[in-house]
Amino acid sequence: VQLVESGGGLVQAGGSLRLSCAASGSIFSDNAMGWYRQAPGKQRERVAAITSGGSTNYAASVKGRFTISRDKAKNTVSLQMNSLKPEDTAVYYCARYKTSTWYSSIGSWGQGTQVTVSS
């Protein structure tokens, strides 16, 4: 399964960006999907995840500002990011879990897309 992210860029604090991840392969609808990010000098962290059934989970730092969604017909998963802060600056990665929930390990990673929030 190949994952290709798009939508990153430079935005001012308080602005919005929408990241998209296009997945190839017919098993996309059976897997949970997630968005992770990694800032320079920091560990990669999960930002949001969505099960095959549509349940969602968010990191405390983004709850209320970010929204993850998926379109099974189009094999895409998106991350709407609002009220962005400089601390949201990172490379964002799309991930496919091995099962229908986020309790499993990651099966595939995207190549990453840079998000930079200026103050």
N, C-alpha and C. Protein backbone atom coordinates (compact mmCIF):
# COMPACT_ATOMS: atom_id res chain seq x y z
N VAL A 1 0.85 -1.19 0.00
CA VAL A 1 0.00 0.00 0.00
C VAL A 1 0.88 1.24 0.00
N GLN A 2 0.61 2.13 -0.93
CA GLN A 2 1.39 3.37 -1.02
C GLN A 2 0.55 4.52 -0.50
N LEU A 3 1.17 5.39 0.30
CA LEU A 3 0.50 6.55 0.87
C LEU A 3 1.20 7.80 0.38
N VAL A 4 0.44 8.76 -0.14
CA VAL A 4 1.01 9.99 -0.66
C VAL A 4 0.29 11.18 -0.03
N GLU A 5 1.05 11.97 0.74
CA GLU A 5 0.48 13.14 1.41
C GLU A 5 0.57 14.37 0.52
N SER A 6 -0.31 15.31 0.78
CA SER A 6 -0.27 16.61 0.12
C SER A 6 -0.94 17.64 1.03
N GLY A 7 -0.69 18.91 0.73
CA GLY A 7 -1.38 19.97 1.46
C GLY A 7 -0.56 20.72 2.48
N GLY A 8 0.67 20.34 2.69
CA GLY A 8 1.51 21.06 3.64
C GLY A 8 1.90 22.42 3.09
N GLY A 9 2.53 23.23 3.95
CA GLY A 9 2.97 24.54 3.50
C GLY A 9 3.26 25.46 4.66
N LEU A 10 3.35 26.74 4.34
CA LEU A 10 3.64 27.78 5.33
C LEU A 10 2.37 28.56 5.61
N VAL A 11 2.08 28.77 6.87
CA VAL A 11 0.88 29.49 7.26
C VAL A 11 1.17 30.31 8.51
N GLN A 12 0.47 31.41 8.67
CA GLN A 12 0.64 32.22 9.87
C GLN A 12 -0.12 31.60 11.03
N ALA A 13 0.32 31.90 12.23
CA ALA A 13 -0.37 31.44 13.43
C ALA A 13 -1.83 31.88 13.38
N GLY A 14 -2.71 30.96 13.75
CA GLY A 14 -4.13 31.22 13.69
C GLY A 14 -4.78 30.78 12.39
N GLY A 15 -3.96 30.45 11.43
CA GLY A 15 -4.47 30.03 10.12
C GLY A 15 -4.85 28.57 10.09
N SER A 16 -5.20 28.10 8.89
CA SER A 16 -5.66 26.72 8.69
C SER A 16 -4.94 26.08 7.51
N LEU A 17 -4.81 24.78 7.59
CA LEU A 17 -4.32 23.97 6.48
C LEU A 17 -5.10 22.66 6.48
N ARG A 18 -5.20 22.07 5.31
CA ARG A 18 -5.83 20.76 5.18
C ARG A 18 -4.85 19.81 4.51
N LEU A 19 -4.49 18.75 5.22
CA LEU A 19 -3.62 17.73 4.68
C LEU A 19 -4.47 16.59 4.12
N SER A 20 -4.01 16.02 3.03
CA SER A 20 -4.69 14.87 2.44
C SER A 20 -3.70 13.74 2.23
N CYS A 21 -4.19 12.53 2.31
CA CYS A 21 -3.37 11.34 2.10
C CYS A 21 -4.14 10.41 1.17
N ALA A 22 -3.55 10.13 0.04
CA ALA A 22 -4.16 9.23 -0.93
C ALA A 22 -3.52 7.86 -0.79
N ALA A 23 -4.36 6.84 -0.65
CA ALA A 23 -3.87 5.48 -0.45
C ALA A 23 -4.21 4.61 -1.64
N SER A 24 -3.27 3.82 -2.04
CA SER A 24 -3.53 2.85 -3.09
C SER A 24 -3.82 1.51 -2.46
N GLY A 25 -4.52 0.66 -3.13
CA GLY A 25 -4.79 -0.65 -2.58
C GLY A 25 -6.20 -0.80 -2.08
N SER A 26 -6.78 -1.93 -2.31
CA SER A 26 -8.19 -2.13 -1.98
C SER A 26 -8.43 -2.38 -0.51
N ILE A 27 -7.37 -2.58 0.30
CA ILE A 27 -7.58 -2.88 1.70
C ILE A 27 -7.69 -1.63 2.55
N PHE A 28 -7.64 -0.47 1.93
CA PHE A 28 -7.66 0.78 2.68
C PHE A 28 -8.85 0.86 3.63
N SER A 29 -10.03 0.46 3.19
CA SER A 29 -11.24 0.63 4.00
C SER A 29 -11.24 -0.26 5.24
N ASP A 30 -10.39 -1.29 5.27
CA ASP A 30 -10.36 -2.20 6.41
C ASP A 30 -9.39 -1.77 7.50
N ASN A 31 -8.60 -0.77 7.23
CA ASN A 31 -7.53 -0.38 8.15
C ASN A 31 -7.82 0.95 8.83
N ALA A 32 -7.39 1.03 10.08
CA ALA A 32 -7.35 2.33 10.74
C ALA A 32 -6.25 3.16 10.09
N MET A 33 -6.42 4.47 10.13
CA MET A 33 -5.44 5.39 9.56
C MET A 33 -5.08 6.45 10.59
N GLY A 34 -3.91 7.02 10.44
CA GLY A 34 -3.48 8.02 11.41
C GLY A 34 -2.62 9.10 10.78
N TRP A 35 -2.52 10.18 11.50
CA TRP A 35 -1.58 11.26 11.16
C TRP A 35 -0.61 11.41 12.32
N TYR A 36 0.66 11.44 11.97
CA TYR A 36 1.72 11.64 12.95
C TYR A 36 2.51 12.88 12.54
N ARG A 37 3.30 13.38 13.49
CA ARG A 37 4.18 14.49 13.15
C ARG A 37 5.50 14.36 13.90
N GLN A 38 6.52 14.94 13.30
CA GLN A 38 7.84 14.93 13.93
C GLN A 38 8.48 16.28 13.73
N ALA A 39 8.73 16.96 14.85
CA ALA A 39 9.43 18.24 14.84
C ALA A 39 10.93 17.98 15.00
N PRO A 40 11.76 18.92 14.58
CA PRO A 40 13.21 18.74 14.69
C PRO A 40 13.63 18.46 16.13
N GLY A 41 14.41 17.42 16.32
CA GLY A 41 14.91 17.09 17.63
C GLY A 41 13.90 16.41 18.54
N LYS A 42 12.73 16.09 18.01
CA LYS A 42 11.69 15.46 18.83
C LYS A 42 11.28 14.12 18.24
N GLN A 43 10.65 13.30 19.08
CA GLN A 43 10.17 12.01 18.61
C GLN A 43 8.90 12.19 17.80
N ARG A 44 8.68 11.24 16.91
CA ARG A 44 7.44 11.25 16.14
C ARG A 44 6.28 10.97 17.10
N GLU A 45 5.20 11.72 16.96
CA GLU A 45 4.06 11.55 17.83
C GLU A 45 2.78 11.44 17.01
N ARG A 46 1.84 10.69 17.56
CA ARG A 46 0.56 10.58 16.87
C ARG A 46 -0.28 11.83 17.15
N VAL A 47 -0.85 12.36 16.10
CA VAL A 47 -1.68 13.54 16.20
C VAL A 47 -3.16 13.16 16.22
N ALA A 48 -3.54 12.26 15.33
CA ALA A 48 -4.94 11.85 15.23
C ALA A 48 -5.01 10.50 14.55
N ALA A 49 -6.08 9.78 14.83
CA ALA A 49 -6.29 8.48 14.21
C ALA A 49 -7.77 8.25 14.01
N ILE A 50 -8.10 7.40 13.06
CA ILE A 50 -9.49 7.08 12.76
C ILE A 50 -9.58 5.60 12.43
N THR A 51 -10.56 4.92 13.04
CA THR A 51 -10.73 3.49 12.78
C THR A 51 -11.44 3.27 11.45
N SER A 52 -11.52 2.02 11.05
CA SER A 52 -12.25 1.72 9.82
C SER A 52 -13.73 2.05 9.98
N GLY A 53 -14.22 2.05 11.20
CA GLY A 53 -15.62 2.37 11.45
C GLY A 53 -15.89 3.85 11.64
N GLY A 54 -14.83 4.67 11.70
CA GLY A 54 -15.01 6.10 11.80
C GLY A 54 -14.79 6.71 13.17
N SER A 55 -14.46 5.90 14.17
CA SER A 55 -14.14 6.46 15.49
C SER A 55 -12.81 7.19 15.41
N THR A 56 -12.71 8.28 16.19
CA THR A 56 -11.51 9.11 16.10
C THR A 56 -10.84 9.27 17.46
N ASN A 57 -9.59 9.62 17.41
CA ASN A 57 -8.79 9.82 18.60
C ASN A 57 -7.80 10.94 18.31
N TYR A 58 -7.60 11.85 19.28
CA TYR A 58 -6.72 12.99 19.06
C TYR A 58 -5.74 13.16 20.21
N ALA A 59 -4.57 13.67 19.89
CA ALA A 59 -3.64 14.07 20.92
C ALA A 59 -4.23 15.27 21.66
N ALA A 60 -3.92 15.38 22.93
CA ALA A 60 -4.47 16.47 23.74
C ALA A 60 -4.09 17.84 23.18
N SER A 61 -2.92 17.91 22.59
CA SER A 61 -2.41 19.20 22.10
C SER A 61 -3.16 19.73 20.88
N VAL A 62 -3.92 18.86 20.20
CA VAL A 62 -4.61 19.30 18.99
C VAL A 62 -6.13 19.15 19.10
N LYS A 63 -6.60 18.55 20.17
CA LYS A 63 -8.03 18.32 20.31
C LYS A 63 -8.79 19.63 20.27
N GLY A 64 -9.84 19.65 19.47
CA GLY A 64 -10.63 20.86 19.31
C GLY A 64 -10.15 21.76 18.19
N ARG A 65 -8.95 21.49 17.68
CA ARG A 65 -8.41 22.30 16.59
C ARG A 65 -8.25 21.49 15.29
N PHE A 66 -7.95 20.21 15.43
CA PHE A 66 -7.72 19.34 14.27
C PHE A 66 -8.88 18.36 14.14
N THR A 67 -9.18 18.01 12.89
CA THR A 67 -10.21 17.02 12.62
C THR A 67 -9.72 16.05 11.56
N ILE A 68 -9.77 14.76 11.90
CA ILE A 68 -9.40 13.72 10.94
C ILE A 68 -10.66 13.15 10.33
N SER A 69 -10.60 12.84 9.05
CA SER A 69 -11.74 12.24 8.36
C SER A 69 -11.23 11.32 7.25
N ARG A 70 -12.11 10.47 6.77
CA ARG A 70 -11.71 9.57 5.69
C ARG A 70 -12.85 9.43 4.70
N ASP A 71 -12.47 9.19 3.47
CA ASP A 71 -13.43 8.95 2.41
C ASP A 71 -13.06 7.61 1.78
N LYS A 72 -13.80 6.57 2.15
CA LYS A 72 -13.46 5.24 1.68
C LYS A 72 -13.65 5.09 0.18
N ALA A 73 -14.61 5.80 -0.37
CA ALA A 73 -14.84 5.72 -1.81
C ALA A 73 -13.66 6.27 -2.61
N LYS A 74 -13.00 7.28 -2.03
CA LYS A 74 -11.87 7.91 -2.72
C LYS A 74 -10.52 7.44 -2.19
N ASN A 75 -10.55 6.54 -1.20
CA ASN A 75 -9.30 6.05 -0.60
C ASN A 75 -8.43 7.18 -0.08
N THR A 76 -9.04 8.12 0.61
CA THR A 76 -8.29 9.24 1.15
C THR A 76 -8.58 9.43 2.63
N VAL A 77 -7.63 9.99 3.32
CA VAL A 77 -7.81 10.41 4.70
C VAL A 77 -7.26 11.83 4.80
N SER A 78 -7.96 12.68 5.52
CA SER A 78 -7.60 14.09 5.60
C SER A 78 -7.43 14.54 7.04
N LEU A 79 -6.68 15.62 7.19
CA LEU A 79 -6.50 16.24 8.50
C LEU A 79 -6.73 17.74 8.33
N GLN A 80 -7.85 18.22 8.83
CA GLN A 80 -8.15 19.65 8.82
C GLN A 80 -7.54 20.26 10.07
N MET A 81 -6.67 21.24 9.87
CA MET A 81 -5.96 21.85 10.99
C MET A 81 -6.34 23.33 11.07
N ASN A 82 -6.97 23.70 12.16
CA ASN A 82 -7.40 25.08 12.39
C ASN A 82 -6.66 25.66 13.58
N SER A 83 -6.70 26.97 13.69
CA SER A 83 -6.07 27.67 14.81
C SER A 83 -4.64 27.20 15.01
N LEU A 84 -3.89 27.15 13.94
CA LEU A 84 -2.53 26.61 14.01
C LEU A 84 -1.63 27.47 14.86
N LYS A 85 -0.70 26.80 15.53
CA LYS A 85 0.26 27.45 16.43
C LYS A 85 1.68 27.16 15.94
N PRO A 86 2.63 28.01 16.29
CA PRO A 86 4.02 27.73 15.89
C PRO A 86 4.50 26.35 16.34
N GLU A 87 4.01 25.89 17.46
CA GLU A 87 4.42 24.57 17.95
C GLU A 87 3.83 23.42 17.15
N ASP A 88 2.96 23.70 16.20
CA ASP A 88 2.47 22.67 15.30
C ASP A 88 3.43 22.43 14.14
N THR A 89 4.45 23.24 14.04
CA THR A 89 5.43 23.09 12.97
C THR A 89 6.12 21.74 13.07
N ALA A 90 6.07 20.99 11.96
CA ALA A 90 6.64 19.64 11.94
C ALA A 90 6.46 19.06 10.55
N VAL A 91 7.08 17.90 10.34
CA VAL A 91 6.77 17.09 9.17
C VAL A 91 5.62 16.17 9.58
N TYR A 92 4.57 16.17 8.80
CA TYR A 92 3.39 15.36 9.08
C TYR A 92 3.37 14.13 8.17
N TYR A 93 3.10 12.99 8.80
CA TYR A 93 3.12 11.72 8.09
C TYR A 93 1.76 11.05 8.18
N CYS A 94 1.34 10.51 7.07
CA CYS A 94 0.16 9.66 7.03
C CYS A 94 0.60 8.23 7.33
N ALA A 95 -0.24 7.49 8.06
CA ALA A 95 0.11 6.12 8.42
C ALA A 95 -1.10 5.20 8.30
N ARG A 96 -0.82 3.98 7.89
CA ARG A 96 -1.87 2.96 7.83
C ARG A 96 -1.57 1.90 8.87
N TYR A 97 -2.53 1.65 9.74
CA TYR A 97 -2.38 0.61 10.75
C TYR A 97 -2.64 -0.77 10.12
N LYS A 98 -2.14 -1.79 10.80
CA LYS A 98 -2.27 -3.14 10.25
C LYS A 98 -3.66 -3.72 10.43
N THR A 99 -4.44 -3.17 11.36
CA THR A 99 -5.78 -3.68 11.57
C THR A 99 -6.78 -2.51 11.53
N SER A 100 -8.00 -2.79 11.93
CA SER A 100 -9.06 -1.78 11.86
C SER A 100 -9.02 -0.77 13.00
N THR A 101 -8.14 -0.97 13.99
CA THR A 101 -8.04 -0.03 15.10
C THR A 101 -6.62 0.50 15.23
N TRP A 102 -6.47 1.58 16.02
CA TRP A 102 -5.16 2.18 16.19
C TRP A 102 -4.33 1.49 17.26
N TYR A 103 -4.81 0.39 17.79
CA TYR A 103 -4.04 -0.35 18.79
C TYR A 103 -3.03 -1.28 18.14
N SER A 104 -3.08 -1.40 16.84
CA SER A 104 -2.12 -2.25 16.14
C SER A 104 -0.92 -1.43 15.70
N SER A 105 0.07 -2.11 15.18
CA SER A 105 1.27 -1.41 14.71
C SER A 105 1.03 -0.81 13.33
N ILE A 106 1.97 0.03 12.93
CA ILE A 106 1.87 0.70 11.63
C ILE A 106 2.32 -0.23 10.51
N GLY A 107 1.52 -0.29 9.44
CA GLY A 107 1.87 -1.13 8.31
C GLY A 107 2.57 -0.34 7.21
N SER A 108 2.17 0.92 7.04
CA SER A 108 2.75 1.74 5.96
C SER A 108 2.84 3.19 6.40
N TRP A 109 3.88 3.87 5.90
CA TRP A 109 4.06 5.30 6.15
C TRP A 109 4.08 6.05 4.82
N GLY A 110 3.59 7.27 4.86
CA GLY A 110 3.77 8.16 3.73
C GLY A 110 5.14 8.81 3.80
N GLN A 111 5.45 9.63 2.81
CA GLN A 111 6.78 10.24 2.75
C GLN A 111 6.89 11.49 3.60
N GLY A 112 5.76 12.02 4.04
CA GLY A 112 5.77 13.21 4.89
C GLY A 112 5.56 14.50 4.12
N THR A 113 4.95 15.46 4.79
CA THR A 113 4.74 16.79 4.20
C THR A 113 5.02 17.84 5.29
N GLN A 114 5.75 18.88 4.91
CA GLN A 114 6.17 19.89 5.88
C GLN A 114 5.05 20.88 6.15
N VAL A 115 4.82 21.13 7.43
CA VAL A 115 3.91 22.19 7.87
C VAL A 115 4.72 23.16 8.71
N THR A 116 4.70 24.43 8.32
CA THR A 116 5.43 25.46 9.06
C THR A 116 4.46 26.57 9.43
N VAL A 117 4.40 26.86 10.73
CA VAL A 117 3.51 27.89 11.24
C VAL A 117 4.37 29.03 11.77
N SER A 118 4.23 30.20 11.18
CA SER A 118 5.01 31.35 11.60
C SER A 118 4.25 32.16 12.65
N SER A 119 5.01 32.78 13.54
CA SER A 119 4.38 33.55 14.62
C SER A 119 4.19 35.01 14.22
